[in-house]
Amino acid sequence: MARAVTQKRKLIATLAAWTIGMAIFFPIFWTILTSFKTEAEAISDPPSLFWFDWTLENYGVVNERSNYPLHFMNSVIISVGSTVLGLIIAVPAAWSMAFVPGKRTKDVLMWMLSTKMLPPVGVLIPIYLISRNLGVLDSRVALVVVLTLINLPIIVWMLYTYFKEIPGEILEAARMDGATLKSEILYVLTPMAVPGIASTVLLNIILAWNEAFWTLNLTAAKAAPLTAFIASYSSPEGLFYAKLSAASTMAIAPILIMGWFSQKQLVRGLTFGAVK
């Protein structure tokens, strides 16, 4: 009896997981499908699922109209750059909070997390003016710094939870063997927290890659990443759904492929610490 109940629960959980997964994936699937339609078929009512004239015309138009390689490189540089800079700041911060906590450590962590509740538009004007006065508007540098600051609370929180899982006695043993602070972090702590650091890196790259608000407001042409590339297909004349879908597919494809091949590392990292 108990075994039958357990199997029934597993079946229900499996069906629920598949249902939620398909619901989440359907918009992506529909976007990819629409990218192979003509503009007329993209807005047809009722919409056609598979029975339409498949075409690559939208991808050709997108490649002719836009400099996709430039936008792609901007996205790579901005997402990877903000991730690297965030790790350089977050690893020492998370180490000190995890292994040398103070009376206000938890308060600082909560304050850092509370900054994520601030609407981005609330600080748009000062950040825009600072970027303009420094001469870094429409530059990768401005976006790397801004996205680093935006995602830093999440990076610190994740690394903090991972570091808390590592026994402090191991670090104490390293100090007794003569390890300096630099050696302790680089050669003892970091290798033990590789799964957590890997998941943090992947999550931050995804967040930076998908960021649209700051990229649209702080860039124009030279530093515009793929999110701005997608937005360029919305015009005063209306939305070109098929071409917009083709541009969206080209923008999300790299991050989807990366997420697919790194899903084991991401899941392993997310279950390594307290973030479960």
Protein backbone atom coordinates (compact mmCIF):
# COMPACT_ATOMS: atom_id res chain seq x y z
CA MET A 1 0.00 0.00 0.00
CA ALA A 2 2.74 2.43 1.02
CA ARG A 3 4.70 1.56 -2.12
CA ALA A 4 1.68 2.25 -4.34
CA VAL A 5 1.15 5.64 -2.66
CA THR A 6 4.83 6.49 -3.15
CA GLN A 7 4.71 5.56 -6.84
CA LYS A 8 1.54 7.61 -7.29
CA ARG A 9 3.18 10.64 -5.70
CA LYS A 10 6.22 10.22 -7.93
CA LEU A 11 3.98 10.01 -10.99
CA ILE A 12 2.08 13.15 -9.97
CA ALA A 13 5.35 14.99 -9.27
CA THR A 14 6.74 13.91 -12.65
CA LEU A 15 3.63 15.03 -14.53
CA ALA A 16 3.62 18.33 -12.66
CA ALA A 17 7.30 18.89 -13.45
CA TRP A 18 6.75 18.16 -17.15
CA THR A 19 3.69 20.43 -17.23
CA ILE A 20 5.56 23.34 -15.64
CA GLY A 21 8.59 22.73 -17.86
CA MET A 22 6.50 22.73 -21.04
CA ALA A 23 4.65 25.87 -19.92
CA ILE A 24 7.97 27.65 -19.38
CA PHE A 25 9.48 26.41 -22.64
CA PHE A 26 6.41 27.11 -24.83
CA PRO A 27 7.08 30.86 -25.36
CA ILE A 28 10.64 30.03 -26.46
CA PHE A 29 9.34 27.31 -28.78
CA TRP A 30 6.74 29.67 -30.25
CA THR A 31 9.34 32.39 -30.81
CA ILE A 32 11.62 29.99 -32.67
CA LEU A 33 8.70 28.69 -34.73
CA THR A 34 7.53 32.21 -35.61
CA SER A 35 11.00 33.13 -36.83
CA PHE A 36 10.51 30.73 -39.77
CA LYS A 37 7.18 32.27 -40.83
CA THR A 38 6.37 35.16 -43.12
CA GLU A 39 5.03 38.33 -41.52
CA ALA A 40 1.53 37.49 -42.75
CA GLU A 41 1.65 34.00 -41.25
CA ALA A 42 3.12 35.36 -38.01
CA ILE A 43 -0.03 37.41 -37.35
CA SER A 44 -2.55 35.00 -38.86
CA ASP A 45 -5.63 34.15 -36.81
CA PRO A 46 -5.94 31.34 -35.96
CA PRO A 47 -2.17 30.84 -35.86
CA SER A 48 -0.62 27.99 -37.80
CA LEU A 49 1.53 25.54 -35.88
CA PHE A 50 3.61 23.52 -38.34
CA TRP A 51 1.60 23.79 -41.56
CA PHE A 52 3.05 26.91 -43.13
CA ASP A 53 5.69 27.81 -45.71
CA TRP A 54 8.96 27.61 -43.80
CA THR A 55 11.41 30.34 -44.74
CA LEU A 56 14.85 31.67 -43.70
CA GLU A 57 14.09 35.11 -45.12
CA ASN A 58 13.78 36.71 -41.68
CA TYR A 59 17.28 35.61 -40.68
CA GLY A 60 18.66 36.98 -43.93
CA VAL A 61 16.97 40.34 -43.37
CA VAL A 62 18.20 40.49 -39.77
CA ASN A 63 21.79 39.77 -40.83
CA GLU A 64 21.64 42.39 -43.59
CA ARG A 65 20.05 45.05 -41.41
CA SER A 66 22.08 44.57 -38.21
CA ASN A 67 25.65 43.89 -37.19
CA TYR A 68 24.96 40.70 -35.25
CA PRO A 69 28.65 39.81 -34.57
CA LEU A 70 29.20 43.22 -32.93
CA HIS A 71 26.15 42.83 -30.66
CA PHE A 72 27.17 39.27 -29.84
CA MET A 73 30.72 40.29 -28.87
CA ASN A 74 29.35 43.15 -26.77
CA SER A 75 27.11 40.70 -24.89
CA VAL A 76 30.01 38.30 -24.32
CA ILE A 77 32.41 41.00 -23.12
CA ILE A 78 29.82 42.70 -20.89
CA SER A 79 28.50 39.50 -19.28
CA VAL A 80 31.90 37.87 -18.80
CA GLY A 81 33.53 41.14 -17.72
CA SER A 82 30.88 41.91 -15.10
CA THR A 83 31.10 38.33 -13.82
CA VAL A 84 34.89 38.40 -13.45
CA LEU A 85 34.83 41.81 -11.76
CA GLY A 86 32.02 40.66 -9.48
CA LEU A 87 33.99 37.57 -8.42
CA ILE A 88 37.10 39.64 -7.68
CA ILE A 89 35.03 41.73 -5.26
CA ALA A 90 32.66 39.05 -3.95
CA VAL A 91 35.09 36.22 -3.10
CA PRO A 92 37.01 38.19 -0.41
CA ALA A 93 33.76 39.73 0.86
CA ALA A 94 32.02 36.36 1.14
CA TRP A 95 35.14 34.83 2.77
CA SER A 96 35.24 37.50 5.47
CA MET A 97 31.51 37.20 6.16
CA ALA A 98 31.62 33.40 6.29
CA PHE A 99 34.80 32.87 8.31
CA VAL A 100 35.35 36.17 10.13
CA PRO A 101 31.78 37.30 10.85
CA GLY A 102 31.06 40.42 12.82
CA LYS A 103 28.09 41.45 14.89
CA ARG A 104 26.45 43.14 11.91
CA THR A 105 27.31 40.58 9.21
CA LYS A 106 23.73 39.37 8.82
CA ASP A 107 22.48 42.94 8.77
CA VAL A 108 24.94 43.79 5.99
CA LEU A 109 23.84 40.75 4.01
CA MET A 110 20.18 41.70 4.37
CA TRP A 111 20.95 45.29 3.41
CA MET A 112 22.79 44.11 0.30
CA LEU A 113 19.86 41.90 -0.66
CA SER A 114 17.38 44.72 -0.05
CA THR A 115 19.07 46.81 -2.75
CA LYS A 116 17.68 44.31 -5.31
CA MET A 117 14.19 45.53 -4.36
CA LEU A 118 15.00 49.04 -5.60
CA PRO A 119 13.34 49.80 -8.97
CA PRO A 120 16.13 50.41 -11.51
CA VAL A 121 14.37 53.50 -12.84
CA GLY A 122 14.84 55.06 -9.39
CA VAL A 123 18.60 55.35 -9.93
CA LEU A 124 18.61 55.75 -13.71
CA ILE A 125 19.12 59.52 -13.76
CA PRO A 126 22.14 59.67 -11.40
CA ILE A 127 23.84 56.71 -13.11
CA TYR A 128 23.15 58.22 -16.52
CA LEU A 129 24.54 61.60 -15.48
CA ILE A 130 27.63 60.03 -13.89
CA SER A 131 28.28 57.98 -17.03
CA ARG A 132 27.83 61.06 -19.22
CA ASN A 133 30.14 63.22 -17.12
CA LEU A 134 32.81 60.49 -17.13
CA GLY A 135 32.48 60.11 -20.88
CA VAL A 136 31.59 56.41 -20.74
CA LEU A 137 28.09 56.50 -22.20
CA ASP A 138 27.62 53.89 -24.91
CA SER A 139 30.69 52.00 -23.72
CA ARG A 140 31.27 48.48 -22.48
CA VAL A 141 33.05 49.82 -19.41
CA ALA A 142 29.93 51.56 -18.11
CA LEU A 143 27.78 48.46 -18.55
CA VAL A 144 30.37 46.16 -16.97
CA VAL A 145 30.54 48.36 -13.87
CA VAL A 146 26.77 48.90 -13.62
CA LEU A 147 25.90 45.21 -14.09
CA THR A 148 28.59 44.23 -11.60
CA LEU A 149 27.06 46.49 -8.96
CA ILE A 150 23.54 45.29 -9.76
CA ASN A 151 24.38 41.58 -9.50
CA LEU A 152 26.95 41.86 -6.71
CA PRO A 153 24.45 41.20 -3.87
CA ILE A 154 23.41 37.91 -5.47
CA ILE A 155 27.03 36.87 -6.08
CA VAL A 156 28.02 37.64 -2.48
CA TRP A 157 24.97 35.86 -1.07
CA MET A 158 25.53 32.72 -3.14
CA LEU A 159 29.25 32.54 -2.38
CA TYR A 160 28.56 33.19 1.29
CA THR A 161 26.17 30.23 1.49
CA TYR A 162 28.68 27.98 -0.29
CA PHE A 163 31.59 29.07 1.90
CA LYS A 164 29.54 28.44 5.05
CA GLU A 165 29.35 24.77 4.06
CA ILE A 166 33.15 24.44 4.15
CA PRO A 167 34.53 23.48 7.60
CA GLY A 168 36.55 26.32 9.07
CA GLU A 169 38.98 23.77 10.54
CA ILE A 170 40.40 23.17 7.06
CA LEU A 171 41.34 26.83 6.71
CA GLU A 172 42.77 26.85 10.23
CA ALA A 173 44.96 23.86 9.32
CA ALA A 174 46.17 25.73 6.25
CA ARG A 175 47.11 28.74 8.40
CA MET A 176 49.00 26.50 10.81
CA ASP A 177 50.97 25.17 7.83
CA GLY A 178 51.99 28.73 7.00
CA ALA A 179 49.43 29.64 4.33
CA THR A 180 49.00 33.37 3.76
CA LEU A 181 45.57 34.94 3.32
CA LYS A 182 46.05 34.98 -0.45
CA SER A 183 47.11 31.32 -0.51
CA GLU A 184 44.23 30.37 1.77
CA ILE A 185 41.65 31.90 -0.57
CA LEU A 186 43.25 30.86 -3.88
CA TYR A 187 44.60 27.41 -3.12
CA VAL A 188 42.42 26.09 -0.29
CA LEU A 189 39.03 27.78 -0.29
CA THR A 190 38.48 28.29 -4.03
CA PRO A 191 39.17 24.68 -5.15
CA MET A 192 36.80 23.35 -2.47
CA ALA A 193 34.03 25.71 -3.57
CA VAL A 194 34.39 25.13 -7.33
CA PRO A 195 30.80 23.82 -7.78
CA GLY A 196 29.35 26.82 -5.96
CA ILE A 197 31.59 29.29 -7.80
CA ALA A 198 30.73 27.66 -11.14
CA SER A 199 27.00 27.98 -10.53
CA THR A 200 27.47 31.58 -9.40
CA VAL A 201 29.41 32.36 -12.59
CA LEU A 202 26.78 30.75 -14.80
CA LEU A 203 23.89 32.50 -13.07
CA ASN A 204 25.61 35.89 -13.24
CA ILE A 205 26.40 35.46 -16.95
CA ILE A 206 22.75 34.62 -17.60
CA LEU A 207 21.54 37.64 -15.62
CA ALA A 208 23.98 39.97 -17.38
CA TRP A 209 23.19 38.51 -20.80
CA ASN A 210 19.44 39.03 -20.31
CA GLU A 211 19.68 42.53 -18.83
CA ALA A 212 17.63 44.93 -20.96
CA PHE A 213 16.82 48.03 -18.90
CA TRP A 214 20.38 49.30 -18.46
CA THR A 215 21.59 48.22 -21.89
CA LEU A 216 18.79 50.15 -23.58
CA ASN A 217 19.34 53.29 -21.51
CA LEU A 218 23.15 53.43 -21.41
CA THR A 219 24.00 52.35 -24.97
CA ALA A 220 23.24 53.55 -28.45
CA ALA A 221 25.25 51.74 -31.11
CA LYS A 222 28.88 50.95 -30.25
CA ALA A 223 28.32 49.01 -27.01
CA ALA A 224 24.78 47.76 -27.64
CA PRO A 225 24.47 44.05 -26.71
CA LEU A 226 21.93 41.55 -28.01
CA THR A 227 19.09 42.88 -25.85
CA ALA A 228 19.35 46.20 -27.71
CA PHE A 229 19.66 44.22 -30.95
CA ILE A 230 16.23 42.68 -30.24
CA ALA A 231 14.67 46.02 -29.32
CA SER A 232 15.74 47.53 -32.65
CA TYR A 233 13.01 45.49 -34.36
CA SER A 234 10.27 47.46 -32.64
CA SER A 235 9.55 50.55 -34.72
CA PRO A 236 6.95 53.36 -34.84
CA GLU A 237 5.37 51.56 -37.79
CA GLY A 238 4.66 48.54 -35.60
CA LEU A 239 6.14 45.24 -34.59
CA PHE A 240 7.54 42.95 -37.24
CA TYR A 241 6.79 39.73 -35.40
CA ALA A 242 8.61 37.31 -37.68
CA LYS A 243 11.78 39.40 -37.86
CA LEU A 244 11.55 40.18 -34.15
CA SER A 245 11.29 36.44 -33.47
CA ALA A 246 14.31 35.76 -35.67
CA ALA A 247 16.34 38.41 -33.84
CA SER A 248 15.19 37.02 -30.47
CA THR A 249 16.15 33.49 -31.48
CA MET A 250 19.62 34.64 -32.55
CA ALA A 251 20.00 36.49 -29.24
CA ILE A 252 18.89 33.69 -26.92
CA ALA A 253 20.46 30.78 -28.79
CA PRO A 254 24.01 31.21 -27.36
CA ILE A 255 22.83 31.41 -23.74
CA LEU A 256 20.40 28.53 -24.21
CA ILE A 257 23.17 26.33 -25.61
CA MET A 258 25.49 27.31 -22.77
CA GLY A 259 22.80 26.59 -20.20
CA TRP A 260 22.01 23.23 -21.78
CA PHE A 261 25.62 22.01 -21.70
CA SER A 262 26.29 23.39 -18.22
CA GLN A 263 23.05 22.34 -16.54
CA LYS A 264 24.75 19.62 -14.47
CA GLN A 265 27.28 22.10 -13.09
CA LEU A 266 24.53 24.64 -12.42
CA VAL A 267 22.32 22.17 -10.55
CA ARG A 268 25.29 20.75 -8.64
CA GLY A 269 26.32 24.22 -7.58
CA LEU A 270 22.84 25.29 -6.54
CA THR A 271 22.53 22.23 -4.31
CA PHE A 272 26.04 22.59 -2.88
CA GLY A 273 25.26 25.33 -0.37
CA ALA A 274 22.22 26.55 1.46
CA VAL A 275 20.56 27.88 -1.70
CA LYS A 276 18.45 24.81 -2.51
